[in-house]
PDB file of N, CA and C in Angstrom:
ATOM      1  N   ASP A   1     101.680  89.435 105.186  1.00  0.00           N
ATOM      2  CA  ASP A   1     100.331  89.629 104.706  1.00  0.00           C
ATOM      3  C   ASP A   1     100.353  90.351 103.369  1.00  0.00           C
ATOM      4  N   ILE A   2      99.683  89.775 102.412  1.00  0.00           N
ATOM      5  CA  ILE A   2      99.553  90.399 101.100  1.00  0.00           C
ATOM      6  C   ILE A   2      98.235  91.155 101.086  1.00  0.00           C
ATOM      7  N   PRO A   3      98.255  92.445 100.753  1.00  0.00           N
ATOM      8  CA  PRO A   3      97.012  93.220 100.698  1.00  0.00           C
ATOM      9  C   PRO A   3      96.039  92.596  99.698  1.00  0.00           C
ATOM     10  N   PRO A   4      94.727  92.671  99.995  1.00  0.00           N
ATOM     11  CA  PRO A   4      93.716  92.052  99.118  1.00  0.00           C
ATOM     12  C   PRO A   4      93.789  92.523  97.668  1.00  0.00           C
ATOM     13  N   ASP A   5      94.091  93.813  97.446  1.00  0.00           N
ATOM     14  CA  ASP A   5      94.155  94.297  96.071  1.00  0.00           C
ATOM     15  C   ASP A   5      95.316  93.684  95.314  1.00  0.00           C
ATOM     16  N   LEU A   6      96.424  93.432  96.008  1.00  0.00           N
ATOM     17  CA  LEU A   6      97.561  92.785  95.380  1.00  0.00           C
ATOM     18  C   LEU A   6      97.262  91.310  95.114  1.00  0.00           C
ATOM     19  N   GLN A   7      96.541  90.651  96.039  1.00  0.00           N
ATOM     20  CA  GLN A   7      96.131  89.258  95.826  1.00  0.00           C
ATOM     21  C   GLN A   7      95.264  89.145  94.576  1.00  0.00           C
ATOM     22  N   GLU A   8      94.385  90.124  94.392  1.00  0.00           N
ATOM     23  CA  GLU A   8      93.501  90.126  93.225  1.00  0.00           C
ATOM     24  C   GLU A   8      94.305  90.249  91.930  1.00  0.00           C
ATOM     25  N   ILE A   9      95.319  91.090  91.940  1.00  0.00           N
ATOM     26  CA  ILE A   9      96.167  91.250  90.758  1.00  0.00           C
ATOM     27  C   ILE A   9      96.914  89.948  90.470  1.00  0.00           C
ATOM     28  N   LEU A  10      97.468  89.328  91.519  1.00  0.00           N
ATOM     29  CA  LEU A  10      98.178  88.064  91.324  1.00  0.00           C
ATOM     30  C   LEU A  10      97.243  87.010  90.741  1.00  0.00           C
ATOM     31  N   LYS A  11      96.004  86.979  91.230  1.00  0.00           N
ATOM     32  CA  LYS A  11      95.012  86.041  90.700  1.00  0.00           C
ATOM     33  C   LYS A  11      94.738  86.328  89.224  1.00  0.00           C
ATOM     34  N   ASP A  12      94.623  87.620  88.885  1.00  0.00           N
ATOM     35  CA  ASP A  12      94.373  88.004  87.494  1.00  0.00           C
ATOM     36  C   ASP A  12      95.549  87.675  86.584  1.00  0.00           C
ATOM     37  N   VAL A  13      96.770  87.811  87.092  1.00  0.00           N
ATOM     38  CA  VAL A  13      97.968  87.527  86.294  1.00  0.00           C
ATOM     39  C   VAL A  13      98.073  86.033  85.994  1.00  0.00           C
ATOM     40  N   ASP A  14      97.632  85.204  86.931  1.00  0.00           N
ATOM     41  CA  ASP A  14      97.667  83.745  86.761  1.00  0.00           C
ATOM     42  C   ASP A  14      96.534  83.329  85.826  1.00  0.00           C
ATOM     43  N   SER A  15      96.705  83.619  84.541  1.00  0.00           N
ATOM     44  CA  SER A  15      95.625  83.466  83.562  1.00  0.00           C
ATOM     45  C   SER A  15      95.154  82.025  83.376  1.00  0.00           C
ATOM     46  N   ASP A  16      96.014  81.042  83.597  1.00  0.00           N
ATOM     47  CA  ASP A  16      95.580  79.657  83.422  1.00  0.00           C
ATOM     48  C   ASP A  16      95.066  79.031  84.716  1.00  0.00           C
ATOM     49  N   GLY A  17      95.077  79.790  85.814  1.00  0.00           N
ATOM     50  CA  GLY A  17      94.532  79.304  87.082  1.00  0.00           C
ATOM     51  C   GLY A  17      95.339  78.215  87.750  1.00  0.00           C
ATOM     52  N   SER A  18      96.621  78.091  87.400  1.00  0.00           N
ATOM     53  CA  SER A  18      97.453  77.017  87.948  1.00  0.00           C
ATOM     54  C   SER A  18      97.916  77.281  89.381  1.00  0.00           C
ATOM     55  N   GLY A  19      97.758  78.519  89.847  1.00  0.00           N
ATOM     56  CA  GLY A  19      98.252  78.865  91.176  1.00  0.00           C
ATOM     57  C   GLY A  19      99.699  79.303  91.157  1.00  0.00           C
ATOM     58  N   VAL A  20     100.294  79.289  89.970  1.00  0.00           N
ATOM     59  CA  VAL A  20     101.686  79.692  89.787  1.00  0.00           C
ATOM     60  C   VAL A  20     101.745  80.671  88.623  1.00  0.00           C
ATOM     61  N   ILE A  21     102.521  81.745  88.800  1.00  0.00           N
ATOM     62  CA  ILE A  21     102.699  82.693  87.697  1.00  0.00           C
ATOM     63  C   ILE A  21     103.909  82.237  86.890  1.00  0.00           C
ATOM     64  N   ASP A  22     103.651  81.738  85.676  1.00  0.00           N
ATOM     65  CA  ASP A  22     104.756  81.259  84.843  1.00  0.00           C
ATOM     66  C   ASP A  22     105.373  82.422  84.066  1.00  0.00           C
ATOM     67  N   TYR A  23     106.403  82.150  83.336  1.00  0.00           N
ATOM     68  CA  TYR A  23     107.175  83.175  82.646  1.00  0.00           C
ATOM     69  C   TYR A  23     106.316  83.993  81.681  1.00  0.00           C
ATOM     70  N   THR A  24     105.482  83.339  80.912  1.00  0.00           N
ATOM     71  CA  THR A  24     104.635  84.035  79.946  1.00  0.00           C
ATOM     72  C   THR A  24     103.654  84.966  80.646  1.00  0.00           C
ATOM     73  N   GLU A  25     103.047  84.479  81.729  1.00  0.00           N
ATOM     74  CA  GLU A  25     102.110  85.304  82.491  1.00  0.00           C
ATOM     75  C   GLU A  25     102.834  86.504  83.108  1.00  0.00           C
ATOM     76  N   PHE A  26     104.048  86.263  83.600  1.00  0.00           N
ATOM     77  CA  PHE A  26     104.837  87.337  84.193  1.00  0.00           C
ATOM     78  C   PHE A  26     105.147  88.412  83.153  1.00  0.00           C
ATOM     79  N   LEU A  27     105.569  87.981  81.968  1.00  0.00           N
ATOM     80  CA  LEU A  27     105.865  88.943  80.899  1.00  0.00           C
ATOM     81  C   LEU A  27     104.631  89.740  80.506  1.00  0.00           C
ATOM     82  N   ALA A  28     103.511  89.053  80.390  1.00  0.00           N
ATOM     83  CA  ALA A  28     102.272  89.743  80.017  1.00  0.00           C
ATOM     84  C   ALA A  28     101.911  90.796  81.060  1.00  0.00           C
ATOM     85  N   ALA A  29     102.091  90.472  82.321  1.00  0.00           N
ATOM     86  CA  ALA A  29     101.756  91.416  83.397  1.00  0.00           C
ATOM     87  C   ALA A  29     102.714  92.598  83.412  1.00  0.00           C
ATOM     88  N   THR A  30     103.981  92.355  83.191  1.00  0.00           N
ATOM     89  CA  THR A  30     104.942  93.448  83.246  1.00  0.00           C
ATOM     90  C   THR A  30     104.822  94.378  82.048  1.00  0.00           C
ATOM     91  N   LEU A  31     104.311  93.859  80.945  1.00  0.00           N
ATOM     92  CA  LEU A  31     104.118  94.705  79.773  1.00  0.00           C
ATOM     93  C   LEU A  31     102.899  95.614  79.940  1.00  0.00           C
ATOM     94  N   ASP A  32     102.015  95.260  80.847  1.00  0.00           N
ATOM     95  CA  ASP A  32     100.823  96.065  81.088  1.00  0.00           C
ATOM     96  C   ASP A  32     101.034  96.897  82.344  1.00  0.00           C
ATOM     97  N   LYS A  33     101.665  98.064  82.181  1.00  0.00           N
ATOM     98  CA  LYS A  33     102.003  98.935  83.309  1.00  0.00           C
ATOM     99  C   LYS A  33     100.777  99.334  84.112  1.00  0.00           C
ATOM    100  N   ARG A  34      99.671  99.463  83.465  1.00  0.00           N
ATOM    101  CA  ARG A  34      98.472  99.949  84.148  1.00  0.00           C
ATOM    102  C   ARG A  34      98.070  99.048  85.299  1.00  0.00           C
ATOM    103  N   SER A  35      98.349  97.760  85.230  1.00  0.00           N
ATOM    104  CA  SER A  35      97.899  96.844  86.275  1.00  0.00           C
ATOM    105  C   SER A  35      98.641  97.019  87.592  1.00  0.00           C
ATOM    106  N   TYR A  36      99.838  97.567  87.569  1.00  0.00           N
ATOM    107  CA  TYR A  36     100.552  97.729  88.841  1.00  0.00           C
ATOM    108  C   TYR A  36     100.924  99.170  89.157  1.00  0.00           C
ATOM    109  N   LEU A  37     100.580 100.088  88.295  1.00  0.00           N
ATOM    110  CA  LEU A  37     100.886 101.478  88.571  1.00  0.00           C
ATOM    111  C   LEU A  37      99.703 102.245  89.123  1.00  0.00           C
ATOM    112  N   THR A  38      98.601 101.557  89.343  1.00  0.00           N
ATOM    113  CA  THR A  38      97.479 102.249  89.941  1.00  0.00           C
ATOM    114  C   THR A  38      97.853 102.639  91.358  1.00  0.00           C
ATOM    115  N   GLU A  39      97.329 103.734  91.779  1.00  0.00           N
ATOM    116  CA  GLU A  39      97.660 104.247  93.108  1.00  0.00           C
ATOM    117  C   GLU A  39      97.262 103.256  94.201  1.00  0.00           C
ATOM    118  N   THR A  40      96.157 102.549  94.020  1.00  0.00           N
ATOM    119  CA  THR A  40      95.689 101.600  95.025  1.00  0.00           C
ATOM    120  C   THR A  40      96.692 100.471  95.223  1.00  0.00           C
ATOM    121  N   VAL A  41      97.189  99.929  94.134  1.00  0.00           N
ATOM    122  CA  VAL A  41      98.153  98.834  94.226  1.00  0.00           C
ATOM    123  C   VAL A  41      99.451  99.330  94.849  1.00  0.00           C
ATOM    124  N   CYS A  42      99.923 100.490  94.410  1.00  0.00           N
ATOM    125  CA  CYS A  42     101.153 101.032  94.974  1.00  0.00           C
ATOM    126  C   CYS A  42     100.973 101.360  96.450  1.00  0.00           C
ATOM    127  N   TRP A  43      99.793 101.818  96.837  1.00  0.00           N
ATOM    128  CA  TRP A  43      99.541 102.099  98.253  1.00  0.00           C
ATOM    129  C   TRP A  43      99.649 100.804  99.067  1.00  0.00           C
ATOM    130  N   GLY A  44      99.136  99.707  98.542  1.00  0.00           N
ATOM    131  CA  GLY A  44      99.258  98.425  99.230  1.00  0.00           C
ATOM    132  C   GLY A  44     100.713  98.015  99.403  1.00  0.00           C
ATOM    133  N   ALA A  45     101.495  98.200  98.360  1.00  0.00           N
ATOM    134  CA  ALA A  45     102.920  97.879  98.447  1.00  0.00           C
ATOM    135  C   ALA A  45     103.623  98.820  99.421  1.00  0.00           C
ATOM    136  N   PHE A  46     103.260 100.100  99.375  1.00  0.00           N
ATOM    137  CA  PHE A  46     103.856 101.088 100.279  1.00  0.00           C
ATOM    138  C   PHE A  46     103.595 100.715 101.733  1.00  0.00           C
ATOM    139  N   ARG A  47     102.377 100.269 102.038  1.00  0.00           N
ATOM    140  CA  ARG A  47     102.013  99.909 103.412  1.00  0.00           C
ATOM    141  C   ARG A  47     102.842  98.748 103.941  1.00  0.00           C
ATOM    142  N   ILE A  48     103.287  97.862 103.068  1.00  0.00           N
ATOM    143  CA  ILE A  48     104.133  96.745 103.503  1.00  0.00           C
ATOM    144  C   ILE A  48     105.436  97.283 104.068  1.00  0.00           C
ATOM    145  N   PHE A  49     105.984  98.306 103.443  1.00  0.00           N
ATOM    146  CA  PHE A  49     107.237  98.904 103.905  1.00  0.00           C
ATOM    147  C   PHE A  49     107.025  99.847 105.087  1.00  0.00           C
ATOM    148  N   ASP A  50     105.902 100.531 105.108  1.00  0.00           N
ATOM    149  CA  ASP A  50     105.606 101.513 106.164  1.00  0.00           C
ATOM    150  C   ASP A  50     105.102 100.783 107.400  1.00  0.00           C
ATOM    151  N   LYS A  51     106.010 100.163 108.121  1.00  0.00           N
ATOM    152  CA  LYS A  51     105.670  99.293 109.251  1.00  0.00           C
ATOM    153  C   LYS A  51     104.921 100.010 110.366  1.00  0.00           C
ATOM    154  N   ASN A  52     105.269 101.265 110.660  1.00  0.00           N
ATOM    155  CA  ASN A  52     104.627 101.953 111.780  1.00  0.00           C
ATOM    156  C   ASN A  52     103.413 102.770 111.349  1.00  0.00           C
ATOM    157  N   GLY A  53     103.092 102.770 110.057  1.00  0.00           N
ATOM    158  CA  GLY A  53     101.886 103.413 109.566  1.00  0.00           C
ATOM    159  C   GLY A  53     101.897 104.934 109.603  1.00  0.00           C
ATOM    160  N   ASP A  54     103.083 105.544 109.615  1.00  0.00           N
ATOM    161  CA  ASP A  54     103.148 107.008 109.693  1.00  0.00           C
ATOM    162  C   ASP A  54     103.125 107.678 108.320  1.00  0.00           C
ATOM    163  N   GLY A  55     103.010 106.884 107.255  1.00  0.00           N
ATOM    164  CA  GLY A  55     102.955 107.457 105.918  1.00  0.00           C
ATOM    165  C   GLY A  55     104.315 107.691 105.295  1.00  0.00           C
ATOM    166  N   LYS A  56     105.363 107.206 105.930  1.00  0.00           N
ATOM    167  CA  LYS A  56     106.725 107.348 105.408  1.00  0.00           C
ATOM    168  C   LYS A  56     107.494 106.055 105.652  1.00  0.00           C
ATOM    169  N   ILE A  57     108.454 105.787 104.768  1.00  0.00           N
ATOM    170  CA  ILE A  57     109.315 104.605 104.917  1.00  0.00           C
ATOM    171  C   ILE A  57     110.669 105.094 105.398  1.00  0.00           C
ATOM    172  N   SER A  58     111.037 104.697 106.590  1.00  0.00           N
ATOM    173  CA  SER A  58     112.346 105.077 107.138  1.00  0.00           C
ATOM    174  C   SER A  58     113.397 104.088 106.656  1.00  0.00           C
ATOM    175  N   LYS A  59     114.662 104.442 106.842  1.00  0.00           N
ATOM    176  CA  LYS A  59     115.747 103.521 106.494  1.00  0.00           C
ATOM    177  C   LYS A  59     115.608 102.229 107.277  1.00  0.00           C
ATOM    178  N   GLU A  60     115.198 102.342 108.536  1.00  0.00           N
ATOM    179  CA  GLU A  60     115.040 101.157 109.385  1.00  0.00           C
ATOM    180  C   GLU A  60     113.930 100.245 108.870  1.00  0.00           C
ATOM    181  N   GLU A  61     112.810 100.848 108.442  1.00  0.00           N
ATOM    182  CA  GLU A  61     111.710 100.049 107.902  1.00  0.00           C
ATOM    183  C   GLU A  61     112.108  99.381 106.594  1.00  0.00           C
ATOM    184  N   LEU A  62     112.803 100.115 105.744  1.00  0.00           N
ATOM    185  CA  LEU A  62     113.274  99.557 104.485  1.00  0.00           C
ATOM    186  C   LEU A  62     114.192  98.375 104.753  1.00  0.00           C
ATOM    187  N   GLN A  63     115.108  98.556 105.677  1.00  0.00           N
ATOM    188  CA  GLN A  63     116.039  97.488 106.022  1.00  0.00           C
ATOM    189  C   GLN A  63     115.298  96.287 106.605  1.00  0.00           C
ATOM    190  N   GLN A  64     114.304  96.532 107.460  1.00  0.00           N
ATOM    191  CA  GLN A  64     113.543  95.448 108.071  1.00  0.00           C
ATOM    192  C   GLN A  64     112.852  94.585 107.018  1.00  0.00           C
ATOM    193  N   VAL A  65     112.239  95.238 106.027  1.00  0.00           N
ATOM    194  CA  VAL A  65     111.545  94.499 104.973  1.00  0.00           C
ATOM    195  C   VAL A  65     112.545  93.769 104.081  1.00  0.00           C
ATOM    196  N   LEU A  66     113.618  94.447 103.697  1.00  0.00           N
ATOM    197  CA  LEU A  66     114.596  93.827 102.803  1.00  0.00           C
ATOM    198  C   LEU A  66     115.318  92.657 103.464  1.00  0.00           C
ATOM    199  N   LEU A  67     115.517  92.723 104.765  1.00  0.00           N
ATOM    200  CA  LEU A  67     116.225  91.648 105.466  1.00  0.00           C
ATOM    201  C   LEU A  67     115.301  90.522 105.908  1.00  0.00           C
ATOM    202  N   SER A  68     113.985  90.688 105.724  1.00  0.00           N
ATOM    203  CA  SER A  68     113.043  89.684 106.198  1.00  0.00           C
ATOM    204  C   SER A  68     112.984  88.452 105.296  1.00  0.00           C
ATOM    205  N   GLY A  69     113.500  88.548 104.093  1.00  0.00           N
ATOM    206  CA  GLY A  69     113.433  87.427 103.158  1.00  0.00           C
ATOM    207  C   GLY A  69     114.808  87.013 102.688  1.00  0.00           C
ATOM    208  N   GLU A  70     114.830  86.416 101.546  1.00  0.00           N
ATOM    209  CA  GLU A  70     116.072  85.935 100.939  1.00  0.00           C
ATOM    210  C   GLU A  70     116.695  87.047 100.110  1.00  0.00           C
ATOM    211  N   VAL A  71     117.183  88.075 100.769  1.00  0.00           N
ATOM    212  CA  VAL A  71     117.769  89.211 100.073  1.00  0.00           C
ATOM    213  C   VAL A  71     119.286  89.090 100.108  1.00  0.00           C
ATOM    214  N   SER A  72     119.898  89.325  98.979  1.00  0.00           N
ATOM    215  CA  SER A  72     121.347  89.206  98.909  1.00  0.00           C
ATOM    216  C   SER A  72     122.038  90.373  99.591  1.00  0.00           C
ATOM    217  N   GLU A  73     123.272  90.186  99.945  1.00  0.00           N
ATOM    218  CA  GLU A  73     124.077  91.223 100.587  1.00  0.00           C
ATOM    219  C   GLU A  73     124.227  92.432  99.668  1.00  0.00           C
ATOM    220  N   VAL A  74     124.217  92.195  98.384  1.00  0.00           N
ATOM    221  CA  VAL A  74     124.339  93.287  97.418  1.00  0.00           C
ATOM    222  C   VAL A  74     123.154  94.237  97.548  1.00  0.00           C
ATOM    223  N   ALA A  75     121.966  93.686  97.708  1.00  0.00           N
ATOM    224  CA  ALA A  75     120.773  94.524  97.842  1.00  0.00           C
ATOM    225  C   ALA A  75     120.849  95.370  99.099  1.00  0.00           C
ATOM    226  N   VAL A  76     121.356  94.810 100.172  1.00  0.00           N
ATOM    227  CA  VAL A  76     121.475  95.551 101.424  1.00  0.00           C
ATOM    228  C   VAL A  76     122.479  96.679 101.270  1.00  0.00           C
ATOM    229  N   LYS A  77     123.580  96.413 100.587  1.00  0.00           N
ATOM    230  CA  LYS A  77     124.593  97.443 100.374  1.00  0.00           C
ATOM    231  C   LYS A  77     124.053  98.589  99.532  1.00  0.00           C
ATOM    232  N   SER A  78     123.139  98.302  98.620  1.00  0.00           N
ATOM    233  CA  SER A  78     122.615  99.340  97.751  1.00  0.00           C
ATOM    234  C   SER A  78     121.432 100.081  98.366  1.00  0.00           C
ATOM    235  N   MET A  79     121.031  99.696  99.578  1.00  0.00           N
ATOM    236  CA  MET A  79     119.907 100.348 100.228  1.00  0.00           C
ATOM    237  C   MET A  79     120.161 101.840 100.422  1.00  0.00           C
ATOM    238  N   GLU A  80     121.357 102.199 100.810  1.00  0.00           N
ATOM    239  CA  GLU A  80     121.704 103.605 100.995  1.00  0.00           C
ATOM    240  C   GLU A  80     121.584 104.358  99.669  1.00  0.00           C
ATOM    241  N   ASP A  81     122.035 103.733  98.584  1.00  0.00           N
ATOM    242  CA  ASP A  81     121.904 104.349  97.263  1.00  0.00           C
ATOM    243  C   ASP A  81     120.429 104.546  96.893  1.00  0.00           C
ATOM    244  N   LEU A  82     119.609 103.529  97.194  1.00  0.00           N
ATOM    245  CA  LEU A  82     118.183 103.616  96.913  1.00  0.00           C
ATOM    246  C   LEU A  82     117.548 104.770  97.681  1.00  0.00           C
ATOM    247  N   MET A  83     117.849 104.865  98.969  1.00  0.00           N
ATOM    248  CA  MET A  83     117.300 105.954  99.782  1.00  0.00           C
ATOM    249  C   MET A  83     117.730 107.302  99.216  1.00  0.00           C
ATOM    250  N   ASN A  84     118.996 107.424  98.863  1.00  0.00           N
ATOM    251  CA  ASN A  84     119.501 108.691  98.328  1.00  0.00           C
ATOM    252  C   ASN A  84     118.819 109.057  97.010  1.00  0.00           C
ATOM    253  N   GLU A  85     118.526 108.065  96.194  1.00  0.00           N
ATOM    254  CA  GLU A  85     117.907 108.305  94.900  1.00  0.00           C
ATOM    255  C   GLU A  85     116.417 108.637  95.013  1.00  0.00           C
ATOM    256  N   VAL A  86     115.714 107.945  95.895  1.00  0.00           N
ATOM    257  CA  VAL A  86     114.261 108.073  95.983  1.00  0.00           C
ATOM    258  C   VAL A  86     113.829 109.207  96.909  1.00  0.00           C
ATOM    259  N   ASP A  87     114.578 109.453  97.967  1.00  0.00           N
ATOM    260  CA  ASP A  87     114.230 110.476  98.961  1.00  0.00           C
ATOM    261  C   ASP A  87     114.544 111.866  98.419  1.00  0.00           C
ATOM    262  N   LYS A  88     113.643 112.399  97.592  1.00  0.00           N
ATOM    263  CA  LYS A  88     113.881 113.659  96.882  1.00  0.00           C
ATOM    264  C   LYS A  88     113.954 114.872  97.802  1.00  0.00           C
ATOM    265  N   ASN A  89     113.237 114.847  98.936  1.00  0.00           N
ATOM    266  CA  ASN A  89     113.265 116.010  99.827  1.00  0.00           C
ATOM    267  C   ASN A  89     114.309 115.876 100.937  1.00  0.00           C
ATOM    268  N   ASN A  90     115.094 114.799 100.869  1.00  0.00           N
ATOM    269  CA  ASN A  90     116.222 114.570 101.791  1.00  0.00           C
ATOM    270  C   ASN A  90     115.846 114.623 103.267  1.00  0.00           C
ATOM    271  N   ASP A  91     114.653 114.091 103.600  1.00  0.00           N
ATOM    272  CA  ASP A  91     114.271 114.045 105.008  1.00  0.00           C
ATOM    273  C   ASP A  91     114.624 112.711 105.661  1.00  0.00           C
ATOM    274  N   GLY A  92     115.283 111.830 104.893  1.00  0.00           N
ATOM    275  CA  GLY A  92     115.702 110.532 105.433  1.00  0.00           C
ATOM    276  C   GLY A  92     114.621 109.477 105.381  1.00  0.00           C
ATOM    277  N   GLU A  93     113.474 109.797 104.744  1.00  0.00           N
ATOM    278  CA  GLU A  93     112.363 108.863 104.637  1.00  0.00           C
ATOM    279  C   GLU A  93     111.745 108.973 103.246  1.00  0.00           C
ATOM    280  N   ILE A  94     111.039 107.908 102.854  1.00  0.00           N
ATOM    281  CA  ILE A  94     110.357 107.886 101.565  1.00  0.00           C
ATOM    282  C   ILE A  94     108.874 108.053 101.823  1.00  0.00           C
ATOM    283  N   ASP A  95     108.298 109.179 101.372  1.00  0.00           N
ATOM    284  CA  ASP A  95     106.856 109.348 101.524  1.00  0.00           C
ATOM    285  C   ASP A  95     106.163 108.714 100.313  1.00  0.00           C
ATOM    286  N   PHE A  96     104.820 108.672 100.341  1.00  0.00           N
ATOM    287  CA  PHE A  96     104.092 107.977  99.289  1.00  0.00           C
ATOM    288  C   PHE A  96     104.314 108.613  97.923  1.00  0.00           C
ATOM    289  N   GLU A  97     104.395 109.929  97.870  1.00  0.00           N
ATOM    290  CA  GLU A  97     104.633 110.610  96.592  1.00  0.00           C
ATOM    291  C   GLU A  97     105.979 110.189  95.997  1.00  0.00           C
ATOM    292  N   GLU A  98     107.012 110.115  96.825  1.00  0.00           N
ATOM    293  CA  GLU A  98     108.333 109.682  96.358  1.00  0.00           C
ATOM    294  C   GLU A  98     108.290 108.215  95.929  1.00  0.00           C
ATOM    295  N   PHE A  99     107.513 107.396  96.665  1.00  0.00           N
ATOM    296  CA  PHE A  99     107.355 105.981  96.339  1.00  0.00           C
ATOM    297  C   PHE A  99     106.698 105.834  94.967  1.00  0.00           C
ATOM    298  N   MET A 100     105.621 106.600  94.716  1.00  0.00           N
ATOM    299  CA  MET A 100     104.937 106.535  93.424  1.00  0.00           C
ATOM    300  C   MET A 100     105.863 106.989  92.298  1.00  0.00           C
ATOM    301  N   THR A 101     106.654 108.026  92.543  1.00  0.00           N
ATOM    302  CA  THR A 101     107.608 108.498  91.539  1.00  0.00           C
ATOM    303  C   THR A 101     108.606 107.404  91.204  1.00  0.00           C
ATOM    304  N   MET A 102     109.079 106.698  92.239  1.00  0.00           N
ATOM    305  CA  MET A 102     110.019 105.599  92.031  1.00  0.00           C
ATOM    306  C   MET A 102     109.365 104.493  91.213  1.00  0.00           C
ATOM    307  N   MET A 103     108.137 104.122  91.563  1.00  0.00           N
ATOM    308  CA  MET A 103     107.441 103.033  90.862  1.00  0.00           C
ATOM    309  C   MET A 103     107.204 103.409  89.400  1.00  0.00           C
ATOM    310  N   ARG A 104     106.804 104.619  89.151  1.00  0.00           N
ATOM    311  CA  ARG A 104     106.560 105.051  87.763  1.00  0.00           C
ATOM    312  C   ARG A 104     107.863 105.124  86.987  1.00  0.00           C
ATOM    313  N   GLY A 105     108.937 105.530  87.641  1.00  0.00           N
ATOM    314  CA  GLY A 105     110.243 105.579  86.993  1.00  0.00           C
ATOM    315  C   GLY A 105     110.734 104.212  86.621  1.00  0.00           C
ATOM    316  N   SER A 106     110.508 103.219  87.501  1.00  0.00           N
ATOM    317  CA  SER A 106     110.909 101.838  87.232  1.00  0.00           C
ATOM    318  C   SER A 106     110.149 101.294  86.032  1.00  0.00           C
ATOM    319  N   ALA A 107     108.891 101.634  85.939  1.00  0.00           N
ATOM    320  CA  ALA A 107     108.078 101.149  84.822  1.00  0.00           C
ATOM    321  C   ALA A 107     108.532 101.778  83.516  1.00  0.00           C
ATOM    322  N   ASP A 108     108.879 103.057  83.549  1.00  0.00           N
ATOM    323  CA  ASP A 108     109.320 103.731  82.334  1.00  0.00           C
ATOM    324  C   ASP A 108     110.639 103.165  81.820  1.00  0.00           C
ATOM    325  N   ALA A 109     111.464 102.633  82.740  1.00  0.00           N
ATOM    326  CA  ALA A 109     112.752 102.072  82.351  1.00  0.00           C
ATOM    327  C   ALA A 109     112.609 100.720  81.673  1.00  0.00           C
ATOM    328  N   LYS A 110     111.434 100.105  81.797  1.00  0.00           N
ATOM    329  CA  LYS A 110     111.226  98.767  81.249  1.00  0.00           C
ATOM    330  C   LYS A 110     110.715  98.833  79.825  1.00  0.00           C
TER     331      LYS A 110
END
């Protein structure tokens, strides 16, 4: 399930209305950090990972989401590194504040 706010963003990114986000549309969207760094959008993405709704992403939840699609073995191997990097308070879970910090850091690197 894609959260409604994320569906709206995808619709907005598809500027020609083709139903497909082409390379140019993708670049335009990624250059505009404001469209995906809003707390509402990040909260929608966070909820996808937070399977049990407790406000934190556990290693098990992260693994469940990453293994649910076409994820390479390399991504799974780096999951521990991701948890270690993002979990700033070392409680073994990613809370929303840590998630937002990660998302903002990723945007700054681009």
